[in-house]
Amino acid sequence: MDFREMIREYAETPISRHLILDLLSSYKRPNDKISELLKSKELISIRRGLYIIGPKTDLPTPEPFLIANHLRGPSYVSLESALSYWNMIPEKVYEISSVTIKTSKLYKTPVGRFSYKQSKIPYYSYGIKNIEHSLKQTMLVASPEKALCDKVMLTPKIHLRSIKQTEDFLMEDLRMDSEILSTLDSKVMELWIENAPKKSSLEMLIKTLIKL
């Protein structure tokens, strides 16, 4: 059986080196085979010990959000990436931004840049959605409300102290639409306040959303 057929079942998710070695167990020198697959671009290394299928195999590949979930876990896609996903900001995002309970980190990979910012439990665990992209791809993405709270919480020097300042931040800096903002569930956001950093800023954010 060739490598393409061996790996077909796993192609839609990032693949560990351990799994690849297991699939190549019939080879006398499986590590040499991995080097060969990397050279031929049938495999792409995204970090040490973690790979995705290369374009040469012509198999379905993991979505960037799913790659982000696996690259540094536990984590979920948030901030500008989730805001763009939910059509809350007009800009196309070229770097996948995530939130993790681990330390902040940036990965530059052959398939793009992936940045991670640190958050703390229990706030971290609120407002995470399971998005089913396909039968084999379920991605962890912040809800629109959580992505916006994360943006306020994790943007340095952002301290919201008035409704006018908050409106300017949302509609001038982030270029959000007031009609979309008015659809957000402020009541669920209120449940997160007690365990959130920047409590006063998030309280002002909620107050501004209620006013819209």
N, C-alpha and C. Protein backbone atom coordinates (compact mmCIF):
# COMPACT_ATOMS: atom_id res chain seq x y z
N MET A 1 0.85 -1.20 0.00
CA MET A 1 0.00 0.00 0.00
C MET A 1 0.89 1.25 0.00
N ASP A 2 0.58 2.22 -0.90
CA ASP A 2 1.41 3.43 -0.92
C ASP A 2 0.99 4.38 0.20
N PHE A 3 1.82 5.39 0.42
CA PHE A 3 1.60 6.30 1.55
C PHE A 3 0.26 7.02 1.45
N ARG A 4 -0.12 7.39 0.24
CA ARG A 4 -1.38 8.12 0.06
C ARG A 4 -2.56 7.30 0.58
N GLU A 5 -2.58 6.02 0.31
CA GLU A 5 -3.66 5.17 0.79
C GLU A 5 -3.56 4.93 2.30
N MET A 6 -2.33 4.82 2.80
CA MET A 6 -2.14 4.64 4.24
C MET A 6 -2.71 5.81 5.04
N ILE A 7 -2.50 7.00 4.51
CA ILE A 7 -2.78 8.21 5.29
C ILE A 7 -4.17 8.78 5.02
N ARG A 8 -4.87 8.26 4.00
CA ARG A 8 -6.15 8.84 3.56
C ARG A 8 -7.12 9.06 4.72
N GLU A 9 -7.23 8.07 5.60
CA GLU A 9 -8.19 8.14 6.71
C GLU A 9 -7.91 9.30 7.67
N TYR A 10 -6.65 9.74 7.72
CA TYR A 10 -6.24 10.75 8.70
C TYR A 10 -5.95 12.11 8.07
N ALA A 11 -6.16 12.24 6.76
CA ALA A 11 -5.69 13.41 6.02
C ALA A 11 -6.32 14.72 6.47
N GLU A 12 -7.53 14.68 7.00
CA GLU A 12 -8.23 15.93 7.32
C GLU A 12 -7.88 16.51 8.69
N THR A 13 -6.95 15.89 9.39
CA THR A 13 -6.51 16.43 10.68
C THR A 13 -4.99 16.47 10.73
N PRO A 14 -4.42 17.34 11.57
CA PRO A 14 -2.97 17.27 11.78
C PRO A 14 -2.57 15.90 12.32
N ILE A 15 -1.41 15.43 11.90
CA ILE A 15 -1.00 14.04 12.16
C ILE A 15 0.28 14.04 12.98
N SER A 16 0.30 13.25 14.04
CA SER A 16 1.49 13.17 14.89
C SER A 16 2.56 12.28 14.27
N ARG A 17 3.79 12.54 14.64
CA ARG A 17 4.90 11.70 14.17
C ARG A 17 4.70 10.25 14.63
N HIS A 18 4.16 10.10 15.83
CA HIS A 18 3.93 8.76 16.38
C HIS A 18 3.01 7.96 15.47
N LEU A 19 1.93 8.60 14.97
CA LEU A 19 1.00 7.91 14.07
C LEU A 19 1.67 7.55 12.76
N ILE A 20 2.44 8.47 12.21
CA ILE A 20 3.11 8.21 10.94
C ILE A 20 4.10 7.06 11.08
N LEU A 21 4.85 7.04 12.18
CA LEU A 21 5.78 5.94 12.41
C LEU A 21 5.05 4.60 12.52
N ASP A 22 3.87 4.65 13.13
CA ASP A 22 3.06 3.44 13.25
C ASP A 22 2.60 2.96 11.87
N LEU A 23 2.18 3.89 11.01
CA LEU A 23 1.73 3.54 9.67
C LEU A 23 2.90 3.00 8.81
N LEU A 24 4.09 3.48 9.11
CA LEU A 24 5.27 3.09 8.33
C LEU A 24 6.06 1.96 9.01
N SER A 25 5.42 1.25 9.91
CA SER A 25 6.13 0.24 10.71
C SER A 25 6.71 -0.90 9.87
N SER A 26 6.19 -1.10 8.67
CA SER A 26 6.72 -2.17 7.81
C SER A 26 8.04 -1.77 7.14
N TYR A 27 8.37 -0.46 7.19
CA TYR A 27 9.63 0.00 6.61
C TYR A 27 10.79 -0.28 7.56
N LYS A 28 11.93 -0.63 6.99
CA LYS A 28 13.11 -0.87 7.82
C LYS A 28 13.60 0.43 8.45
N ARG A 29 13.50 1.53 7.71
CA ARG A 29 13.96 2.84 8.19
C ARG A 29 12.83 3.87 8.03
N PRO A 30 11.83 3.82 8.92
CA PRO A 30 10.68 4.73 8.78
C PRO A 30 11.07 6.21 8.87
N ASN A 31 12.08 6.55 9.67
CA ASN A 31 12.51 7.95 9.77
C ASN A 31 13.04 8.46 8.43
N ASP A 32 13.75 7.58 7.70
CA ASP A 32 14.23 7.97 6.37
C ASP A 32 13.05 8.19 5.42
N LYS A 33 12.02 7.37 5.57
CA LYS A 33 10.83 7.53 4.72
C LYS A 33 10.13 8.86 5.03
N ILE A 34 10.06 9.23 6.31
CA ILE A 34 9.46 10.53 6.65
C ILE A 34 10.26 11.66 6.01
N SER A 35 11.57 11.60 6.06
CA SER A 35 12.41 12.63 5.42
C SER A 35 12.13 12.70 3.92
N GLU A 36 11.94 11.55 3.31
CA GLU A 36 11.64 11.48 1.87
C GLU A 36 10.28 12.12 1.57
N LEU A 37 9.29 11.84 2.43
CA LEU A 37 7.94 12.41 2.25
C LEU A 37 7.95 13.93 2.43
N LEU A 38 8.76 14.41 3.35
CA LEU A 38 8.89 15.85 3.55
C LEU A 38 9.54 16.51 2.33
N LYS A 39 10.56 15.87 1.81
CA LYS A 39 11.28 16.41 0.65
C LYS A 39 10.38 16.46 -0.58
N SER A 40 9.53 15.44 -0.74
CA SER A 40 8.62 15.39 -1.89
C SER A 40 7.35 16.20 -1.68
N LYS A 41 7.22 16.80 -0.48
CA LYS A 41 6.05 17.61 -0.11
C LYS A 41 4.75 16.81 -0.04
N GLU A 42 4.89 15.50 0.16
CA GLU A 42 3.71 14.70 0.49
C GLU A 42 3.32 14.90 1.95
N LEU A 43 4.27 15.31 2.76
CA LEU A 43 4.05 15.71 4.15
C LEU A 43 4.61 17.12 4.35
N ILE A 44 3.96 17.89 5.21
CA ILE A 44 4.45 19.22 5.59
C ILE A 44 4.57 19.27 7.10
N SER A 45 5.72 19.67 7.59
CA SER A 45 5.93 19.81 9.03
C SER A 45 5.43 21.18 9.48
N ILE A 46 4.52 21.21 10.46
CA ILE A 46 4.03 22.50 10.97
C ILE A 46 4.66 22.85 12.32
N ARG A 47 5.14 21.87 13.03
CA ARG A 47 6.02 22.04 14.17
C ARG A 47 6.63 20.68 14.47
N ARG A 48 7.59 20.66 15.38
CA ARG A 48 8.26 19.39 15.66
C ARG A 48 7.23 18.33 16.10
N GLY A 49 7.23 17.22 15.37
CA GLY A 49 6.36 16.11 15.74
C GLY A 49 4.93 16.22 15.26
N LEU A 50 4.61 17.25 14.45
CA LEU A 50 3.23 17.42 13.97
C LEU A 50 3.25 17.80 12.49
N TYR A 51 2.42 17.13 11.72
CA TYR A 51 2.44 17.28 10.26
C TYR A 51 1.03 17.42 9.70
N ILE A 52 0.97 17.92 8.47
CA ILE A 52 -0.26 17.83 7.69
C ILE A 52 0.10 17.26 6.32
N ILE A 53 -0.90 16.76 5.62
CA ILE A 53 -0.70 16.20 4.29
C ILE A 53 -0.37 17.32 3.31
N GLY A 54 0.60 17.07 2.43
CA GLY A 54 0.97 18.06 1.44
C GLY A 54 0.09 18.02 0.21
N PRO A 55 0.15 19.07 -0.62
CA PRO A 55 -0.73 19.16 -1.81
C PRO A 55 -0.48 18.06 -2.83
N LYS A 56 0.72 17.49 -2.83
CA LYS A 56 1.05 16.46 -3.82
C LYS A 56 0.19 15.20 -3.68
N THR A 57 -0.32 14.96 -2.49
CA THR A 57 -1.15 13.77 -2.26
C THR A 57 -2.55 13.91 -2.85
N ASP A 58 -2.97 15.18 -3.09
CA ASP A 58 -4.31 15.45 -3.62
C ASP A 58 -5.41 14.85 -2.74
N LEU A 59 -5.20 14.99 -1.40
CA LEU A 59 -6.21 14.56 -0.43
C LEU A 59 -6.76 15.78 0.30
N PRO A 60 -7.95 15.69 0.90
CA PRO A 60 -8.48 16.81 1.69
C PRO A 60 -7.50 17.15 2.82
N THR A 61 -7.33 18.43 3.06
CA THR A 61 -6.39 18.86 4.12
C THR A 61 -7.15 19.56 5.24
N PRO A 62 -6.55 19.67 6.43
CA PRO A 62 -7.23 20.32 7.55
C PRO A 62 -7.45 21.82 7.30
N GLU A 63 -8.57 22.32 7.77
CA GLU A 63 -8.82 23.76 7.75
C GLU A 63 -7.81 24.47 8.66
N PRO A 64 -7.43 25.72 8.33
CA PRO A 64 -6.49 26.46 9.17
C PRO A 64 -6.93 26.56 10.63
N PHE A 65 -8.24 26.71 10.89
CA PHE A 65 -8.71 26.81 12.28
C PHE A 65 -8.43 25.50 13.03
N LEU A 66 -8.59 24.36 12.35
CA LEU A 66 -8.32 23.08 13.00
C LEU A 66 -6.82 22.91 13.24
N ILE A 67 -6.03 23.36 12.29
CA ILE A 67 -4.57 23.34 12.49
C ILE A 67 -4.21 24.16 13.73
N ALA A 68 -4.83 25.33 13.85
CA ALA A 68 -4.57 26.19 15.02
C ALA A 68 -4.91 25.48 16.33
N ASN A 69 -6.04 24.77 16.36
CA ASN A 69 -6.44 24.03 17.57
C ASN A 69 -5.39 23.00 17.97
N HIS A 70 -4.77 22.35 16.99
CA HIS A 70 -3.81 21.27 17.26
C HIS A 70 -2.40 21.78 17.50
N LEU A 71 -2.07 22.90 16.88
CA LEU A 71 -0.69 23.39 16.92
C LEU A 71 -0.25 23.73 18.34
N ARG A 72 -1.17 24.30 19.10
CA ARG A 72 -0.89 24.61 20.51
C ARG A 72 -2.19 24.43 21.29
N GLY A 73 -2.25 23.39 22.07
CA GLY A 73 -3.50 23.11 22.77
C GLY A 73 -3.29 22.97 24.27
N PRO A 74 -4.34 23.16 25.06
CA PRO A 74 -5.68 23.50 24.58
C PRO A 74 -5.74 24.95 24.10
N SER A 75 -6.54 25.17 23.07
CA SER A 75 -6.72 26.52 22.54
C SER A 75 -8.00 26.56 21.72
N TYR A 76 -8.45 27.78 21.43
CA TYR A 76 -9.58 27.98 20.52
C TYR A 76 -9.30 29.23 19.70
N VAL A 77 -9.82 29.27 18.49
CA VAL A 77 -9.64 30.43 17.61
C VAL A 77 -10.50 31.58 18.13
N SER A 78 -9.91 32.77 18.18
CA SER A 78 -10.64 33.92 18.73
C SER A 78 -10.11 35.21 18.11
N LEU A 79 -10.38 36.32 18.83
CA LEU A 79 -9.85 37.64 18.43
C LEU A 79 -10.23 37.96 16.98
N GLU A 80 -9.33 38.58 16.20
CA GLU A 80 -9.70 39.01 14.85
C GLU A 80 -10.13 37.84 13.96
N SER A 81 -9.53 36.67 14.16
CA SER A 81 -9.87 35.53 13.30
C SER A 81 -11.32 35.11 13.50
N ALA A 82 -11.76 35.02 14.75
CA ALA A 82 -13.16 34.65 15.02
C ALA A 82 -14.10 35.79 14.65
N LEU A 83 -13.69 37.03 14.92
CA LEU A 83 -14.54 38.18 14.56
C LEU A 83 -14.77 38.22 13.04
N SER A 84 -13.73 37.92 12.27
CA SER A 84 -13.87 37.87 10.82
C SER A 84 -14.73 36.68 10.40
N TYR A 85 -14.54 35.53 11.05
CA TYR A 85 -15.33 34.33 10.76
C TYR A 85 -16.83 34.60 10.94
N TRP A 86 -17.17 35.36 11.98
CA TRP A 86 -18.58 35.67 12.26
C TRP A 86 -19.06 36.93 11.52
N ASN A 87 -18.24 37.44 10.59
CA ASN A 87 -18.58 38.63 9.79
C ASN A 87 -18.83 39.86 10.65
N MET A 88 -18.08 39.97 11.74
CA MET A 88 -18.23 41.13 12.62
C MET A 88 -17.26 42.26 12.28
N ILE A 89 -16.18 41.94 11.58
CA ILE A 89 -15.26 42.95 11.09
C ILE A 89 -15.09 42.76 9.59
N PRO A 90 -14.85 43.84 8.84
CA PRO A 90 -14.81 43.72 7.37
C PRO A 90 -13.49 43.18 6.83
N GLU A 91 -12.40 43.31 7.60
CA GLU A 91 -11.09 42.94 7.08
C GLU A 91 -10.90 41.42 6.97
N LYS A 92 -10.20 41.02 5.92
CA LYS A 92 -9.77 39.61 5.80
C LYS A 92 -8.55 39.44 6.70
N VAL A 93 -8.50 38.34 7.42
CA VAL A 93 -7.43 38.11 8.38
C VAL A 93 -6.45 37.08 7.83
N TYR A 94 -5.16 37.40 7.88
CA TYR A 94 -4.15 36.52 7.30
C TYR A 94 -3.37 35.73 8.35
N GLU A 95 -3.50 36.11 9.60
CA GLU A 95 -2.88 35.35 10.69
C GLU A 95 -3.98 34.77 11.56
N ILE A 96 -3.88 33.50 11.90
CA ILE A 96 -4.90 32.87 12.74
C ILE A 96 -4.58 33.17 14.20
N SER A 97 -5.49 33.86 14.87
CA SER A 97 -5.30 34.25 16.27
C SER A 97 -6.11 33.34 17.18
N SER A 98 -5.47 32.85 18.23
CA SER A 98 -6.12 31.94 19.17
C SER A 98 -5.85 32.36 20.60
N VAL A 99 -6.63 31.77 21.50
CA VAL A 99 -6.44 31.95 22.94
C VAL A 99 -6.12 30.60 23.55
N THR A 100 -5.18 30.57 24.47
CA THR A 100 -4.74 29.33 25.09
C THR A 100 -4.54 29.54 26.59
N ILE A 101 -4.49 28.44 27.34
CA ILE A 101 -4.14 28.57 28.76
C ILE A 101 -2.62 28.48 28.94
N LYS A 102 -1.92 28.15 27.85
CA LYS A 102 -0.45 28.12 27.90
C LYS A 102 0.10 29.53 27.67
N THR A 103 1.41 29.66 27.67
CA THR A 103 2.03 30.96 27.44
C THR A 103 1.79 31.42 26.00
N SER A 104 1.84 32.72 25.80
CA SER A 104 1.65 33.28 24.46
C SER A 104 2.78 32.83 23.54
N LYS A 105 2.45 32.64 22.25
CA LYS A 105 3.45 32.14 21.30
C LYS A 105 3.02 32.44 19.88
N LEU A 106 4.03 32.55 18.99
CA LEU A 106 3.77 32.73 17.56
C LEU A 106 4.47 31.62 16.80
N TYR A 107 3.72 30.96 15.89
CA TYR A 107 4.29 29.95 15.02
C TYR A 107 4.26 30.46 13.59
N LYS A 108 5.39 30.40 12.91
CA LYS A 108 5.45 30.70 11.48
C LYS A 108 5.65 29.37 10.77
N THR A 109 4.64 28.93 10.05
CA THR A 109 4.66 27.60 9.43
C THR A 109 4.56 27.74 7.91
N PRO A 110 4.82 26.67 7.18
CA PRO A 110 4.66 26.71 5.72
C PRO A 110 3.23 26.98 5.27
N VAL A 111 2.26 26.82 6.18
CA VAL A 111 0.86 27.05 5.80
C VAL A 111 0.28 28.30 6.47
N GLY A 112 1.14 29.15 7.03
CA GLY A 112 0.65 30.40 7.60
C GLY A 112 1.18 30.67 9.00
N ARG A 113 0.78 31.85 9.52
CA ARG A 113 1.18 32.28 10.87
C ARG A 113 0.04 32.02 11.84
N PHE A 114 0.40 31.53 13.01
CA PHE A 114 -0.58 31.21 14.04
C PHE A 114 -0.10 31.84 15.36
N SER A 115 -0.90 32.76 15.90
CA SER A 115 -0.52 33.42 17.16
C SER A 115 -1.46 32.98 18.28
N TYR A 116 -0.91 32.95 19.49
CA TYR A 116 -1.65 32.49 20.67
C TYR A 116 -1.43 33.48 21.80
N LYS A 117 -2.52 33.88 22.45
CA LYS A 117 -2.43 34.74 23.63
C LYS A 117 -3.00 33.99 24.83
N GLN A 118 -2.40 34.24 25.97
CA GLN A 118 -2.75 33.47 27.17
C GLN A 118 -3.96 34.03 27.89
N SER A 119 -4.80 33.13 28.36
CA SER A 119 -5.95 33.47 29.21
C SER A 119 -5.96 32.50 30.39
N LYS A 120 -6.76 32.83 31.38
CA LYS A 120 -6.78 32.03 32.60
C LYS A 120 -8.12 31.31 32.77
N ILE A 121 -8.05 30.15 33.40
CA ILE A 121 -9.24 29.42 33.83
C ILE A 121 -9.83 30.17 35.03
N PRO A 122 -11.17 30.27 35.18
CA PRO A 122 -12.22 29.66 34.36
C PRO A 122 -12.68 30.50 33.18
N TYR A 123 -12.24 31.80 33.12
CA TYR A 123 -12.71 32.66 32.02
C TYR A 123 -12.44 32.03 30.66
N TYR A 124 -11.29 31.39 30.52
CA TYR A 124 -10.89 30.77 29.25
C TYR A 124 -12.00 29.86 28.69
N SER A 125 -12.65 29.10 29.55
CA SER A 125 -13.56 28.04 29.10
C SER A 125 -14.94 28.54 28.67
N TYR A 126 -15.24 29.80 28.85
CA TYR A 126 -16.57 30.32 28.48
C TYR A 126 -16.66 30.57 26.98
N GLY A 127 -17.85 30.39 26.44
CA GLY A 127 -18.16 30.86 25.09
C GLY A 127 -17.39 30.22 23.96
N ILE A 128 -17.04 28.94 24.08
CA ILE A 128 -16.34 28.24 23.01
C ILE A 128 -17.33 27.37 22.25
N LYS A 129 -17.36 27.51 20.93
CA LYS A 129 -18.28 26.74 20.09
C LYS A 129 -17.55 25.64 19.33
N ASN A 130 -18.22 24.49 19.17
CA ASN A 130 -17.74 23.42 18.30
C ASN A 130 -18.34 23.61 16.92
N ILE A 131 -17.50 23.94 15.96
CA ILE A 131 -17.97 24.18 14.60
C ILE A 131 -17.60 22.98 13.73
N GLU A 132 -18.61 22.30 13.19
CA GLU A 132 -18.36 21.12 12.36
C GLU A 132 -18.16 21.54 10.91
N HIS A 133 -16.91 21.52 10.47
CA HIS A 133 -16.61 21.88 9.08
C HIS A 133 -16.88 20.69 8.16
N SER A 134 -16.57 19.50 8.63
CA SER A 134 -16.86 18.27 7.89
C SER A 134 -17.00 17.15 8.92
N LEU A 135 -17.29 15.95 8.46
CA LEU A 135 -17.47 14.84 9.40
C LEU A 135 -16.21 14.58 10.22
N LYS A 136 -15.05 14.90 9.67
CA LYS A 136 -13.79 14.65 10.37
C LYS A 136 -13.12 15.91 10.91
N GLN A 137 -13.77 17.05 10.72
CA GLN A 137 -13.16 18.31 11.17
C GLN A 137 -14.14 19.12 12.02
N THR A 138 -13.90 19.12 13.31
CA THR A 138 -14.68 19.95 14.24
C THR A 138 -13.73 20.93 14.92
N MET A 139 -13.98 22.22 14.72
CA MET A 139 -13.06 23.26 15.15
C MET A 139 -13.59 23.97 16.39
N LEU A 140 -12.69 24.37 17.26
CA LEU A 140 -13.05 25.15 18.45
C LEU A 140 -12.87 26.63 18.13
N VAL A 141 -13.98 27.37 18.17
CA VAL A 141 -13.97 28.78 17.80
C VAL A 141 -14.75 29.57 18.85
N ALA A 142 -14.26 30.73 19.22
CA ALA A 142 -14.97 31.60 20.15
C ALA A 142 -16.30 32.04 19.55
N SER A 143 -17.33 32.09 20.37
CA SER A 143 -18.60 32.68 19.94
C SER A 143 -18.36 34.16 19.62
N PRO A 144 -19.27 34.81 18.88
CA PRO A 144 -19.09 36.24 18.60
C PRO A 144 -18.89 37.05 19.89
N GLU A 145 -19.67 36.72 20.92
CA GLU A 145 -19.57 37.46 22.19
C GLU A 145 -18.20 37.24 22.84
N LYS A 146 -17.73 35.99 22.85
CA LYS A 146 -16.45 35.69 23.50
C LYS A 146 -15.29 36.31 22.72
N ALA A 147 -15.37 36.26 21.38
CA ALA A 147 -14.30 36.84 20.56
C ALA A 147 -14.16 38.33 20.84
N LEU A 148 -15.30 39.01 21.00
CA LEU A 148 -15.26 40.44 21.28
C LEU A 148 -14.72 40.71 22.69
N CYS A 149 -15.16 39.94 23.66
CA CYS A 149 -14.63 40.09 25.02
C CYS A 149 -13.12 39.82 25.05
N ASP A 150 -12.69 38.80 24.33
CA ASP A 150 -11.25 38.49 24.26
C ASP A 150 -10.48 39.65 23.64
N LYS A 151 -11.06 40.27 22.62
CA LYS A 151 -10.39 41.39 21.96
C LYS A 151 -10.17 42.54 22.93
N VAL A 152 -11.19 42.83 23.72
CA VAL A 152 -11.06 43.89 24.75
C VAL A 152 -10.05 43.48 25.81
N MET A 153 -10.17 42.26 26.28
CA MET A 153 -9.34 41.77 27.38
C MET A 153 -7.87 41.66 27.01
N LEU A 154 -7.59 41.24 25.78
CA LEU A 154 -6.22 40.91 25.40
C LEU A 154 -5.53 41.96 24.54
N THR A 155 -6.20 43.09 24.31
CA THR A 155 -5.55 44.19 23.59
C THR A 155 -4.90 45.12 24.61
N PRO A 156 -3.57 45.23 24.58
CA PRO A 156 -2.88 46.10 25.54
C PRO A 156 -3.37 47.55 25.45
N LYS A 157 -3.43 48.19 26.56
CA LYS A 157 -3.76 49.63 26.66
C LYS A 157 -5.20 49.96 26.33
N ILE A 158 -6.04 48.94 26.15
CA ILE A 158 -7.47 49.20 25.96
C ILE A 158 -8.16 49.13 27.31
N HIS A 159 -8.63 50.26 27.79
CA HIS A 159 -9.38 50.35 29.05
C HIS A 159 -10.62 51.21 28.78
N LEU A 160 -11.75 50.56 28.68
CA LEU A 160 -12.99 51.25 28.30
C LEU A 160 -13.61 51.92 29.53
N ARG A 161 -13.76 53.24 29.45
CA ARG A 161 -14.25 53.99 30.61
C ARG A 161 -15.53 54.77 30.36
N SER A 162 -15.98 54.82 29.10
CA SER A 162 -17.23 55.53 28.80
C SER A 162 -17.90 54.89 27.59
N ILE A 163 -19.20 55.14 27.44
CA ILE A 163 -19.94 54.60 26.30
C ILE A 163 -19.40 55.19 25.00
N LYS A 164 -19.10 56.48 25.00
CA LYS A 164 -18.57 57.14 23.79
C LYS A 164 -17.23 56.51 23.38
N GLN A 165 -16.34 56.31 24.33
CA GLN A 165 -15.05 55.69 24.03
C GLN A 165 -15.23 54.27 23.49
N THR A 166 -16.17 53.54 24.08
CA THR A 166 -16.43 52.16 23.66
C THR A 166 -17.02 52.12 22.26
N GLU A 167 -17.96 53.02 21.97
CA GLU A 167 -18.53 53.09 20.62
C GLU A 167 -17.45 53.40 19.58
N ASP A 168 -16.55 54.32 19.93
CA ASP A 168 -15.46 54.66 19.01
C ASP A 168 -14.55 53.45 18.78
N PHE A 169 -14.26 52.71 19.84
CA PHE A 169 -13.42 51.52 19.72
C PHE A 169 -14.08 50.47 18.82
N LEU A 170 -15.37 50.25 19.01
CA LEU A 170 -16.08 49.23 18.25
C LEU A 170 -16.31 49.63 16.81
N MET A 171 -16.78 50.85 16.59
CA MET A 171 -17.24 51.23 15.26
C MET A 171 -16.21 52.01 14.44
N GLU A 172 -15.26 52.66 15.12
CA GLU A 172 -14.21 53.37 14.39
C GLU A 172 -12.95 52.52 14.28
N ASP A 173 -12.46 52.01 15.40
CA ASP A 173 -11.22 51.23 15.38
C ASP A 173 -11.43 49.85 14.74
N LEU A 174 -12.47 49.14 15.19
CA LEU A 174 -12.72 47.79 14.68
C LEU A 174 -13.64 47.77 13.46
N ARG A 175 -14.28 48.92 13.18
CA ARG A 175 -15.17 49.06 12.01
C ARG A 175 -16.33 48.06 12.05
N MET A 176 -16.89 47.89 13.24
CA MET A 176 -18.05 47.00 13.39
C MET A 176 -19.34 47.75 13.09
N ASP A 177 -20.33 47.00 12.70
CA ASP A 177 -21.64 47.56 12.36
C ASP A 177 -22.53 47.53 13.60
N SER A 178 -23.21 48.63 13.88
CA SER A 178 -24.04 48.72 15.09
C SER A 178 -25.18 47.70 15.07
N GLU A 179 -25.71 47.40 13.89
CA GLU A 179 -26.81 46.43 13.80
C GLU A 179 -26.33 45.03 14.19
N ILE A 180 -25.14 44.66 13.75
CA ILE A 180 -24.58 43.35 14.13
C ILE A 180 -24.30 43.32 15.63
N LEU A 181 -23.73 44.40 16.14
CA LEU A 181 -23.42 44.47 17.57
C LEU A 181 -24.69 44.34 18.42
N SER A 182 -25.78 44.89 17.93
CA SER A 182 -27.03 44.85 18.70
C SER A 182 -27.62 43.44 18.80
N THR A 183 -27.13 42.51 17.98
CA THR A 183 -27.62 41.12 18.03
C THR A 183 -26.88 40.28 19.07
N LEU A 184 -25.79 40.80 19.64
CA LEU A 184 -25.00 40.02 20.59
C LEU A 184 -25.77 39.81 21.89
N ASP A 185 -25.53 38.70 22.54
CA ASP A 185 -26.23 38.32 23.77
C ASP A 185 -25.49 38.90 24.98
N SER A 186 -25.90 40.07 25.41
CA SER A 186 -25.22 40.73 26.54
C SER A 186 -25.46 39.99 27.86
N LYS A 187 -26.55 39.26 27.94
CA LYS A 187 -26.86 38.54 29.19
C LYS A 187 -25.86 37.41 29.43
N VAL A 188 -25.48 36.69 28.37
CA VAL A 188 -24.49 35.62 28.56
C VAL A 188 -23.13 36.22 28.88
N MET A 189 -22.83 37.39 28.31
CA MET A 189 -21.57 38.06 28.60
C MET A 189 -21.49 38.48 30.07
N GLU A 190 -22.63 38.87 30.62
CA GLU A 190 -22.66 39.25 32.04
C GLU A 190 -22.28 38.10 32.96
N LEU A 191 -22.56 36.88 32.53
CA LEU A 191 -22.24 35.70 33.34
C LEU A 191 -20.73 35.47 33.45
N TRP A 192 -19.97 36.05 32.52
CA TRP A 192 -18.52 35.85 32.50
C TRP A 192 -17.76 36.88 33.33
N ILE A 193 -18.42 37.98 33.68
CA ILE A 193 -17.75 39.13 34.28
C ILE A 193 -16.99 38.77 35.56
N GLU A 194 -17.63 38.00 36.43
CA GLU A 194 -17.06 37.72 37.75
C GLU A 194 -15.65 37.14 37.66
N ASN A 195 -15.41 36.30 36.67
CA ASN A 195 -14.11 35.63 36.55
C ASN A 195 -13.24 36.20 35.43
N ALA A 196 -13.57 37.39 34.96
CA ALA A 196 -12.85 37.95 33.81
C ALA A 196 -11.84 39.00 34.24
N PRO A 197 -10.70 39.07 33.55
CA PRO A 197 -9.81 40.21 33.71
C PRO A 197 -10.49 41.45 33.11
N LYS A 198 -9.98 42.62 33.41
CA LYS A 198 -10.52 43.88 32.88
C LYS A 198 -12.04 43.96 33.09
N LYS A 199 -12.48 43.65 34.30
CA LYS A 199 -13.92 43.62 34.59
C LYS A 199 -14.62 44.92 34.22
N SER A 200 -14.02 46.04 34.60
CA SER A 200 -14.68 47.32 34.37
C SER A 200 -14.82 47.61 32.88
N SER A 201 -13.82 47.21 32.08
CA SER A 201 -13.90 47.42 30.63
C SER A 201 -15.00 46.55 30.02
N LEU A 202 -15.11 45.31 30.49
CA LEU A 202 -16.16 44.43 29.96
C LEU A 202 -17.55 44.89 30.41
N GLU A 203 -17.63 45.42 31.62
CA GLU A 203 -18.91 45.98 32.08
C GLU A 203 -19.31 47.16 31.20
N MET A 204 -18.34 48.00 30.83
CA MET A 204 -18.64 49.13 29.96
C MET A 204 -19.01 48.66 28.55
N LEU A 205 -18.37 47.60 28.08
CA LEU A 205 -18.72 47.02 26.79
C LEU A 205 -20.16 46.55 26.80
N ILE A 206 -20.57 45.84 27.83
CA ILE A 206 -21.94 45.34 27.93
C ILE A 206 -22.93 46.49 28.01
N LYS A 207 -22.61 47.49 28.80
CA LYS A 207 -23.49 48.67 28.92
C LYS A 207 -23.69 49.34 27.56
N THR A 208 -22.60 49.41 26.79
CA THR A 208 -22.68 50.04 25.46
C THR A 208 -23.52 49.18 24.51
N LEU A 209 -23.36 47.87 24.56
CA LEU A 209 -24.14 46.99 23.69
C LEU A 209 -25.63 47.08 24.00
N ILE A 210 -25.96 47.18 25.28
CA ILE A 210 -27.38 47.30 25.68
C ILE A 210 -27.97 48.59 25.15
N LYS A 211 -27.16 49.64 25.09
CA LYS A 211 -27.63 50.95 24.63
C LYS A 211 -27.90 50.98 23.12
N LEU A 212 -27.22 50.15 22.35
CA LEU A 212 -27.35 50.19 20.90
C LEU A 212 -28.77 49.82 20.44
